[in-house]
Amino acid sequence: MTGGGSLGQAIAKQMEEHPSHYRERLRIRSLDSPADLFDKGKRANSSDLVFLAAAFGLSYDAMEMPEPYTPDRVRAAHNPERPKLNWEDM
């Protein structure tokens, strides 16, 4: 989560609940500061990162970003099959 809304505990608590209502709650992870994100010549600290992360992501030129794969462009996964064992050969 990023942005000012991530500081609201009610929002964070709601985001921990899985959409299918699994018993185990989801864990919200904190962002690591990118190595090339600086604020006034110093590495951005974690308290500012929730606000800077969105702007940092938007600062990339569209040509630097890889083309996204939409679900219709991804092949369906298949379950690999193991070779059949012949118990008489064992």
Protein backbone atom coordinates (compact mmCIF):
# COMPACT_ATOMS: atom_id res chain seq x y z
CA MET A 1 0.00 0.00 0.00
CA THR A 2 1.19 3.47 -0.70
CA GLY A 3 -0.03 7.03 -0.36
CA GLY A 4 -1.68 8.80 2.53
CA GLY A 5 -4.53 6.28 2.67
CA SER A 6 -2.06 3.61 3.74
CA LEU A 7 -1.61 5.43 7.04
CA GLY A 8 -5.26 4.89 8.00
CA GLN A 9 -5.54 1.82 10.21
CA ALA A 10 -9.10 1.07 9.12
CA ILE A 11 -7.99 0.87 5.48
CA ALA A 12 -4.94 -1.25 6.31
CA LYS A 13 -7.07 -3.62 8.40
CA GLN A 14 -9.56 -4.05 5.53
CA MET A 15 -6.72 -4.75 3.09
CA GLU A 16 -5.49 -7.58 5.33
CA GLU A 17 -8.72 -9.50 4.73
CA HIS A 18 -8.56 -11.85 1.77
CA PRO A 19 -11.35 -11.26 -0.79
CA SER A 20 -12.42 -14.91 -0.38
CA HIS A 21 -12.45 -14.50 3.42
CA TYR A 22 -9.73 -17.05 4.16
CA ARG A 23 -9.05 -17.51 7.83
CA GLU A 24 -5.43 -16.37 7.61
CA ARG A 25 -5.04 -12.62 7.19
CA LEU A 26 -2.86 -11.14 4.46
CA ARG A 27 0.35 -9.43 5.54
CA ILE A 28 0.91 -5.88 4.33
CA ARG A 29 4.56 -5.35 3.54
CA SER A 30 6.45 -2.10 3.83
CA LEU A 31 8.20 -0.78 0.76
CA ASP A 32 11.97 -0.65 0.62
CA SER A 33 13.37 2.66 -0.52
CA PRO A 34 14.68 2.40 -4.10
CA ALA A 35 18.45 2.90 -4.31
CA ASP A 36 18.01 5.85 -6.67
CA LEU A 37 15.29 7.74 -4.76
CA PHE A 38 16.70 10.83 -3.10
CA ASP A 39 15.07 13.71 -1.25
CA LYS A 40 17.18 16.88 -1.10
CA GLY A 41 20.38 14.94 -1.73
CA LYS A 42 19.71 12.23 0.89
CA ARG A 43 18.14 8.80 0.53
CA ALA A 44 14.40 9.05 1.16
CA ASN A 45 13.44 7.80 4.61
CA SER A 46 10.69 5.28 5.20
CA SER A 47 8.24 7.77 6.72
CA ASP A 48 8.28 9.80 3.48
CA LEU A 49 8.31 6.76 1.22
CA VAL A 50 4.54 6.18 1.42
CA PHE A 51 4.06 9.57 -0.26
CA LEU A 52 7.05 9.49 -2.62
CA ALA A 53 6.56 5.96 -3.99
CA ALA A 54 3.67 6.83 -6.31
CA ALA A 55 5.46 9.89 -7.68
CA PHE A 56 8.65 7.85 -8.12
CA GLY A 57 6.77 5.23 -10.14
CA LEU A 58 5.19 7.90 -12.31
CA SER A 59 8.57 9.51 -12.98
CA TYR A 60 9.64 6.72 -15.36
CA ASP A 61 9.42 7.41 -19.06
CA ALA A 62 6.85 5.15 -20.73
CA MET A 63 9.57 3.86 -23.07
CA GLU A 64 11.51 2.50 -20.06
CA MET A 65 8.59 0.41 -18.85
CA PRO A 66 8.10 -3.10 -20.20
CA GLU A 67 4.89 -3.83 -22.05
CA PRO A 68 2.39 -5.39 -19.65
CA TYR A 69 1.00 -8.83 -20.30
CA THR A 70 -2.76 -8.94 -20.11
CA PRO A 71 -4.49 -12.24 -19.26
CA ASP A 72 -5.51 -12.79 -22.88
CA ARG A 73 -1.80 -12.77 -23.91
CA VAL A 74 -0.62 -15.32 -21.35
CA ARG A 75 -0.71 -19.01 -22.24
CA ALA A 76 -2.61 -21.29 -19.93
CA ALA A 77 -0.37 -23.22 -17.58
CA HIS A 78 -0.35 -26.98 -17.80
CA ASN A 79 0.38 -29.56 -15.15
CA PRO A 80 3.54 -31.43 -16.03
CA GLU A 81 3.19 -35.19 -15.95
CA ARG A 82 5.77 -37.46 -14.46
CA PRO A 83 6.84 -40.47 -16.47
CA LYS A 84 4.78 -43.51 -15.66
CA LEU A 85 6.62 -45.92 -13.37
CA ASN A 86 6.71 -49.54 -14.24
CA TRP A 87 6.66 -51.29 -10.89
CA GLU A 88 7.99 -54.50 -12.39
CA ASP A 89 11.25 -52.76 -13.36
CA MET A 90 11.97 -51.67 -9.79
